[in-house]
Amino acid sequence: MKPLRLLGIGLLVTSAAVGNAQTSPEQNLQSCLSGRYPALCDHSALTAEQLKQVQNAGNRENLKVCMTGRYPALCNHAKLTPDQSASVKEAEKLENLRVCSEGRYPALCNHGMLSPDELGRVRRAEESENLRTCMDGRFSATCNHSLLTPEQAKAMATAEAAASARTTLPAAGRVHGRQSGDCKSGLSIESVEGDGKIIKIDDGSMWEVDDVDTVDTALWMAVDDVVLCNGKIINTDENESAEVTQLSGGAFGGGEASASSRSGYAIEASANDETFVINGELFKAKTYCFNFDKGDRVKFVQGSPLGACVSATLLNLRSGKVCEVWCE
């Protein structure tokens, strides 16, 4: 893991602790009732009735996480009813099969949960994906050479030699942000927001990630090298890619501006009730902005839609709700 990643994680934990210390009773209750972050909830500040509501909210959020099947380690199985436990077990089995069938992450696949027929298909997928990685020529360290036939190993050696020749250009010949056709390379991630839903690139562009790919992009970090190509962000450090939609700026032109302030600005992307892209700018909720959905139009009661502010107050023209956000 890169040193900067460890530093970023440490700063995130520290900032969360500081933010908790400065939370008002109302903000604390709102955070607790979300059920998402029990560690940030000050239970000692709650009444008996509020504690019961928070417990129910925590159970609902836990079930929501469990039912995705994606995060068994984050699921508190002890809080599930027998019926819920059976449903979660089936969801975890299906999600495990989905991950295994891609063949990309053998270490994340629980092969013991697969039937003999499923195991055979998964092994073939892993061999195919491994061959694709090996034949790229750039990822020898992640190539499982034991799965290659002699002919494949010989072809891989040729591919590695070709890749090495491509990357030995003199430093003066390397150009940051080099564009070729529909692709642009020489870029890196500036930030990952909203649990992987929104990615900012150092060329000034901002991208919304397809929901199915956020399980990968949530783990991407600033300074990872990326390539923008044909509606995808390719993370060359992690050897992963994600389907994306451009929101603003950068390599292929900015997203279209929102409507005039008279009719409000559209929420172009929304993640976890706390991260929003509006008018091509990033805003983060001070606590949570519940029911502020993608496509809703908002007015800036305070602050600037250009992001030229410390904080802003948004009025949702659909729901009539108001929420305070930080300007990035």
Protein backbone atom coordinates (compact mmCIF):
# COMPACT_ATOMS: atom_id res chain seq x y z
CA MET A 1 0.00 0.00 0.00
CA LYS A 2 1.33 3.44 -0.89
CA PRO A 3 2.43 5.70 2.03
CA LEU A 4 0.01 8.38 0.86
CA ARG A 5 -2.85 5.91 1.15
CA LEU A 6 -2.00 5.20 4.76
CA LEU A 7 -1.74 8.92 5.44
CA GLY A 8 -5.10 9.56 3.78
CA ILE A 9 -6.81 6.86 5.85
CA GLY A 10 -5.29 8.28 9.04
CA LEU A 11 -6.48 11.78 8.22
CA LEU A 12 -9.98 10.48 7.46
CA VAL A 13 -10.24 8.77 10.86
CA THR A 14 -8.87 11.85 12.63
CA SER A 15 -11.26 14.24 10.87
CA ALA A 16 -14.21 11.97 11.70
CA ALA A 17 -13.27 12.00 15.37
CA VAL A 18 -12.90 15.78 15.42
CA GLY A 19 -16.22 16.22 13.60
CA ASN A 20 -17.95 14.00 16.18
CA ALA A 21 -16.60 16.12 19.02
CA GLN A 22 -18.08 19.27 17.47
CA THR A 23 -21.52 17.80 16.67
CA SER A 24 -24.61 19.48 18.18
CA PRO A 25 -27.34 17.34 19.87
CA GLU A 26 -29.59 17.74 16.81
CA GLN A 27 -26.80 16.78 14.41
CA ASN A 28 -25.81 13.87 16.63
CA LEU A 29 -29.39 12.55 16.62
CA GLN A 30 -29.65 12.92 12.85
CA SER A 31 -26.35 11.05 12.42
CA CYS A 32 -27.44 8.32 14.86
CA LEU A 33 -30.81 7.84 13.16
CA SER A 34 -29.11 7.24 9.81
CA GLY A 35 -27.84 3.99 11.30
CA ARG A 36 -24.78 4.13 9.06
CA TYR A 37 -21.98 5.12 11.41
CA PRO A 38 -22.56 3.77 14.95
CA ALA A 39 -19.01 4.73 15.95
CA LEU A 40 -19.82 8.40 15.27
CA CYS A 41 -23.03 8.32 17.32
CA ASP A 42 -22.84 9.66 20.89
CA HIS A 43 -25.33 7.29 22.52
CA SER A 44 -24.89 8.98 25.91
CA ALA A 45 -26.62 12.10 24.55
CA LEU A 46 -29.80 10.22 23.57
CA THR A 47 -33.03 9.68 25.49
CA ALA A 48 -34.40 6.18 26.09
CA GLU A 49 -36.93 6.62 23.26
CA GLN A 50 -34.22 7.94 20.93
CA LEU A 51 -31.97 4.99 21.80
CA LYS A 52 -34.76 2.62 20.77
CA GLN A 53 -35.21 4.49 17.47
CA VAL A 54 -31.47 4.45 16.85
CA GLN A 55 -31.32 0.72 17.56
CA ASN A 56 -34.10 0.08 15.03
CA ALA A 57 -32.32 2.32 12.51
CA GLY A 58 -29.09 0.42 13.09
CA ASN A 59 -30.84 -2.90 12.53
CA ARG A 60 -32.39 -1.63 9.29
CA GLU A 61 -29.05 -0.32 8.01
CA ASN A 62 -27.30 -3.53 9.01
CA LEU A 63 -29.90 -5.58 7.10
CA LYS A 64 -29.47 -3.30 4.10
CA VAL A 65 -25.71 -3.90 4.11
CA CYS A 66 -26.13 -7.62 4.72
CA MET A 67 -28.65 -8.08 1.90
CA THR A 68 -26.21 -6.81 -0.71
CA GLY A 69 -24.16 -9.93 -0.02
CA ARG A 70 -21.04 -7.91 -0.76
CA TYR A 71 -19.67 -7.27 2.70
CA PRO A 72 -20.00 -10.34 5.00
CA ALA A 73 -17.33 -8.90 7.30
CA LEU A 74 -19.40 -5.71 7.76
CA CYS A 75 -22.65 -7.58 8.35
CA ASN A 76 -23.59 -8.20 11.98
CA HIS A 77 -25.25 -11.58 11.54
CA ALA A 78 -26.21 -11.64 15.22
CA LYS A 79 -28.78 -8.87 14.59
CA LEU A 80 -30.62 -10.87 11.92
CA THR A 81 -33.80 -12.89 12.41
CA PRO A 82 -33.74 -16.52 11.20
CA ASP A 83 -35.61 -15.56 8.00
CA GLN A 84 -33.30 -12.61 7.40
CA SER A 85 -30.26 -14.80 8.04
CA ALA A 86 -31.40 -17.30 5.39
CA SER A 87 -31.96 -14.50 2.86
CA VAL A 88 -28.58 -12.95 3.62
CA LYS A 89 -26.85 -16.32 3.25
CA GLU A 90 -28.38 -16.70 -0.21
CA ALA A 91 -27.39 -13.12 -1.14
CA GLU A 92 -23.80 -13.75 -0.03
CA LYS A 93 -23.72 -16.96 -2.05
CA LEU A 94 -24.95 -15.18 -5.19
CA GLU A 95 -22.54 -12.28 -4.71
CA ASN A 96 -19.65 -14.67 -4.15
CA LEU A 97 -20.56 -16.47 -7.37
CA ARG A 98 -20.67 -13.14 -9.22
CA VAL A 99 -17.21 -12.15 -7.98
CA CYS A 100 -15.81 -15.62 -8.65
CA SER A 101 -17.29 -15.81 -12.16
CA GLU A 102 -15.41 -12.68 -13.23
CA GLY A 103 -12.17 -14.56 -12.68
CA ARG A 104 -10.40 -11.33 -11.77
CA TYR A 105 -10.07 -11.78 -8.02
CA PRO A 106 -9.33 -15.41 -7.05
CA ALA A 107 -8.22 -14.26 -3.59
CA LEU A 108 -11.66 -12.70 -2.96
CA CYS A 109 -13.52 -15.80 -4.14
CA ASN A 110 -14.71 -18.28 -1.53
CA HIS A 111 -14.33 -21.42 -3.61
CA GLY A 112 -15.81 -23.48 -0.78
CA MET A 113 -19.23 -21.92 -1.38
CA LEU A 114 -19.34 -23.10 -5.01
CA SER A 115 -20.98 -26.21 -6.37
CA PRO A 116 -18.79 -28.56 -8.47
CA ASP A 117 -20.32 -27.18 -11.68
CA GLU A 118 -19.83 -23.58 -10.52
CA LEU A 119 -16.26 -24.33 -9.47
CA GLY A 120 -15.43 -25.67 -12.94
CA ARG A 121 -16.80 -22.52 -14.61
CA VAL A 122 -14.95 -20.27 -12.16
CA ARG A 123 -11.64 -22.07 -12.72
CA ARG A 124 -11.98 -21.55 -16.47
CA ALA A 125 -12.82 -17.87 -15.93
CA GLU A 126 -9.78 -17.43 -13.67
CA GLU A 127 -7.51 -19.05 -16.23
CA SER A 128 -8.90 -16.85 -19.00
CA GLU A 129 -8.56 -13.67 -16.92
CA ASN A 130 -5.06 -14.64 -15.82
CA LEU A 131 -4.05 -15.19 -19.43
CA ARG A 132 -5.40 -11.77 -20.37
CA THR A 133 -3.39 -10.15 -17.56
CA CYS A 134 -0.25 -12.07 -18.48
CA MET A 135 -0.52 -11.26 -22.19
CA ASP A 136 -0.76 -7.54 -21.46
CA GLY A 137 2.95 -7.74 -20.74
CA ARG A 138 2.93 -5.05 -18.05
CA PHE A 139 1.82 -7.04 -15.01
CA SER A 140 4.25 -9.90 -14.59
CA ALA A 141 3.97 -9.71 -10.80
CA THR A 142 0.20 -10.36 -10.91
CA CYS A 143 0.42 -13.09 -13.52
CA ASN A 144 0.07 -16.65 -12.22
CA HIS A 145 2.68 -18.31 -14.39
CA SER A 146 1.74 -21.78 -13.14
CA LEU A 147 -1.56 -21.56 -15.06
CA LEU A 148 0.15 -20.96 -18.42
CA THR A 149 0.92 -23.58 -21.03
CA PRO A 150 4.46 -23.56 -22.50
CA GLU A 151 3.14 -21.83 -25.62
CA GLN A 152 1.35 -19.18 -23.54
CA ALA A 153 4.48 -18.59 -21.42
CA LYS A 154 6.51 -18.02 -24.58
CA ALA A 155 3.92 -15.56 -25.93
CA MET A 156 3.89 -13.76 -22.58
CA ALA A 157 7.68 -13.28 -22.70
CA THR A 158 7.28 -11.61 -26.09
CA ALA A 159 4.50 -9.36 -24.74
CA GLU A 160 6.62 -8.35 -21.73
CA ALA A 161 9.53 -7.42 -23.99
CA ALA A 162 7.25 -5.27 -26.15
CA ALA A 163 5.73 -3.56 -23.07
CA SER A 164 9.18 -2.87 -21.67
CA ALA A 165 10.23 -1.24 -24.94
CA ARG A 166 7.18 1.03 -24.85
CA THR A 167 7.91 2.25 -21.32
CA THR A 168 11.60 3.03 -21.77
CA LEU A 169 11.03 6.34 -23.55
CA PRO A 170 13.27 9.18 -22.32
CA ALA A 171 11.66 11.39 -19.68
CA ALA A 172 11.45 14.34 -22.09
CA GLY A 173 9.26 12.25 -24.38
CA ARG A 174 6.59 11.64 -21.77
CA VAL A 175 3.72 14.11 -21.81
CA HIS A 176 1.19 14.49 -18.98
CA GLY A 177 -2.36 14.22 -20.21
CA ARG A 178 -1.44 12.80 -23.61
CA GLN A 179 -4.55 12.22 -25.77
CA SER A 180 -4.80 9.65 -28.53
CA GLY A 181 -8.14 9.25 -30.27
CA ASP A 182 -10.81 8.62 -27.64
CA CYS A 183 -8.31 7.99 -24.86
CA LYS A 184 -6.23 10.20 -22.60
CA SER A 185 -3.34 8.91 -20.50
CA GLY A 186 -0.78 10.39 -18.11
CA LEU A 187 -3.47 11.31 -15.56
CA SER A 188 -3.98 10.55 -11.88
CA ILE A 189 -6.86 10.61 -9.41
CA GLU A 190 -7.26 13.81 -7.39
CA SER A 191 -9.95 12.45 -5.07
CA VAL A 192 -12.57 9.71 -4.69
CA GLU A 193 -15.87 10.81 -3.15
CA GLY A 194 -19.16 9.26 -2.09
CA ASP A 195 -17.82 5.73 -1.47
CA GLY A 196 -16.44 5.51 -4.99
CA LYS A 197 -19.44 7.10 -6.73
CA ILE A 198 -17.62 10.28 -7.84
CA ILE A 199 -14.03 10.58 -9.04
CA LYS A 200 -12.08 13.79 -9.67
CA ILE A 201 -9.11 13.62 -12.03
CA ASP A 202 -6.10 15.95 -11.96
CA ASP A 203 -7.02 17.34 -15.41
CA GLY A 204 -10.02 19.03 -13.78
CA SER A 205 -12.66 16.54 -14.91
CA MET A 206 -15.25 14.92 -12.67
CA TRP A 207 -16.88 11.53 -13.34
CA GLU A 208 -19.85 9.56 -12.00
CA VAL A 209 -19.16 5.84 -11.58
CA ASP A 210 -21.68 3.17 -12.53
CA ASP A 211 -23.14 1.63 -9.37
CA VAL A 212 -21.86 -1.87 -10.13
CA ASP A 213 -18.26 -0.61 -10.23
CA THR A 214 -18.26 1.37 -6.98
CA VAL A 215 -17.23 -1.76 -5.07
CA ASP A 216 -13.86 -1.35 -6.83
CA THR A 217 -13.59 2.44 -7.06
CA ALA A 218 -14.38 2.89 -3.35
CA LEU A 219 -10.90 1.44 -2.74
CA TRP A 220 -9.13 3.65 -5.27
CA MET A 221 -7.01 6.43 -3.85
CA ALA A 222 -5.60 9.81 -4.80
CA VAL A 223 -2.38 9.65 -6.88
CA ASP A 224 -3.41 6.36 -8.55
CA ASP A 225 -2.52 6.59 -12.27
CA VAL A 226 -5.49 6.39 -14.65
CA VAL A 227 -6.42 6.44 -18.31
CA LEU A 228 -9.70 7.88 -19.61
CA CYS A 229 -10.92 5.84 -22.52
CA ASN A 230 -14.27 5.20 -24.23
CA GLY A 231 -16.50 5.86 -21.23
CA LYS A 232 -14.16 4.14 -18.78
CA ILE A 233 -11.62 5.12 -16.15
CA ILE A 234 -8.81 2.56 -16.19
CA ASN A 235 -6.77 2.47 -12.98
CA THR A 236 -3.37 1.22 -14.13
CA ASP A 237 -2.07 0.94 -10.55
CA GLU A 238 -4.87 -1.44 -9.53
CA ASN A 239 -5.36 -3.07 -12.96
CA GLU A 240 -9.09 -2.26 -12.73
CA SER A 241 -11.57 -0.24 -14.78
CA ALA A 242 -14.95 1.38 -14.16
CA GLU A 243 -17.78 2.53 -16.40
CA VAL A 244 -18.23 6.28 -15.94
CA THR A 245 -20.25 9.27 -17.10
CA GLN A 246 -18.54 12.64 -17.34
CA LEU A 247 -20.02 15.38 -15.18
CA SER A 248 -17.71 18.30 -15.88
CA GLY A 249 -14.43 19.63 -17.25
CA GLY A 250 -11.27 17.94 -18.44
CA ALA A 251 -10.18 15.81 -21.34
CA PHE A 252 -13.32 15.53 -23.42
CA GLY A 253 -14.97 18.85 -22.69
CA GLY A 254 -17.07 19.84 -19.72
CA GLY A 255 -20.56 18.68 -18.92
CA GLU A 256 -23.37 20.96 -19.97
CA ALA A 257 -24.11 23.78 -17.58
CA SER A 258 -27.22 23.47 -15.44
CA ALA A 259 -30.25 25.66 -15.95
CA SER A 260 -30.21 29.28 -14.83
CA SER A 261 -30.38 30.12 -11.16
CA ARG A 262 -33.99 31.19 -11.67
CA SER A 263 -35.07 27.58 -12.24
CA GLY A 264 -32.41 26.13 -9.98
CA TYR A 265 -29.48 23.84 -10.64
CA ALA A 266 -29.80 20.12 -11.24
CA ILE A 267 -28.16 17.62 -8.90
CA GLU A 268 -25.99 15.84 -11.43
CA ALA A 269 -24.87 13.10 -9.03
CA SER A 270 -25.79 12.08 -5.50
CA ALA A 271 -24.01 9.57 -3.24
CA ASN A 272 -25.04 8.40 0.23
CA ASP A 273 -27.07 11.54 1.02
CA GLU A 274 -23.81 13.40 1.66
CA THR A 275 -21.89 13.95 -1.60
CA PHE A 276 -23.34 15.92 -4.51
CA VAL A 277 -22.24 17.29 -7.88
CA ILE A 278 -24.13 20.46 -8.81
CA ASN A 279 -23.27 22.72 -11.73
CA GLY A 280 -20.09 20.68 -12.22
CA GLU A 281 -18.89 21.40 -8.68
CA LEU A 282 -18.55 19.10 -5.67
CA PHE A 283 -20.49 19.74 -2.45
CA LYS A 284 -20.51 17.66 0.75
CA ALA A 285 -23.28 17.68 3.35
CA LYS A 286 -22.36 19.00 6.79
CA THR A 287 -24.37 16.09 8.22
CA TYR A 288 -26.74 14.46 5.70
CA CYS A 289 -29.05 15.83 3.00
CA PHE A 290 -31.82 13.25 3.04
CA ASN A 291 -34.09 13.02 -0.03
CA PHE A 292 -31.77 15.13 -2.19
CA ASP A 293 -31.74 12.87 -5.26
CA LYS A 294 -30.03 12.92 -8.62
CA GLY A 295 -32.12 15.00 -11.02
CA ASP A 296 -33.65 17.19 -8.30
CA ARG A 297 -33.28 20.93 -8.83
CA VAL A 298 -31.94 23.09 -6.03
CA LYS A 299 -31.52 26.79 -5.36
CA PHE A 300 -28.58 28.27 -3.52
CA VAL A 301 -30.10 30.18 -0.61
CA GLN A 302 -26.55 30.96 0.50
CA GLY A 303 -23.22 30.23 -1.15
CA SER A 304 -22.21 29.91 -4.77
CA PRO A 305 -23.12 27.32 -7.44
CA LEU A 306 -19.57 27.87 -8.72
CA GLY A 307 -18.17 26.35 -5.54
CA ALA A 308 -16.56 29.68 -4.66
CA CYS A 309 -17.62 29.47 -1.02
CA VAL A 310 -16.83 27.81 2.28
CA SER A 311 -20.36 26.53 2.79
CA ALA A 312 -23.74 26.83 1.13
CA THR A 313 -27.42 26.32 1.91
CA LEU A 314 -29.46 24.40 -0.66
CA LEU A 315 -33.24 24.48 -1.14
CA ASN A 316 -34.64 21.38 -2.86
CA LEU A 317 -37.33 22.68 -5.23
CA ARG A 318 -39.03 19.28 -5.35
CA SER A 319 -39.25 18.45 -1.65
CA GLY A 320 -38.95 21.94 -0.17
CA LYS A 321 -36.23 20.72 2.17
CA VAL A 322 -33.15 22.78 3.06
CA CYS A 323 -29.69 21.38 3.69
CA GLU A 324 -26.30 22.85 4.50
CA VAL A 325 -23.23 21.70 2.56
CA TRP A 326 -19.52 22.37 2.43
CA CYS A 327 -18.11 23.76 -0.81
CA GLU A 328 -15.08 21.87 -2.14
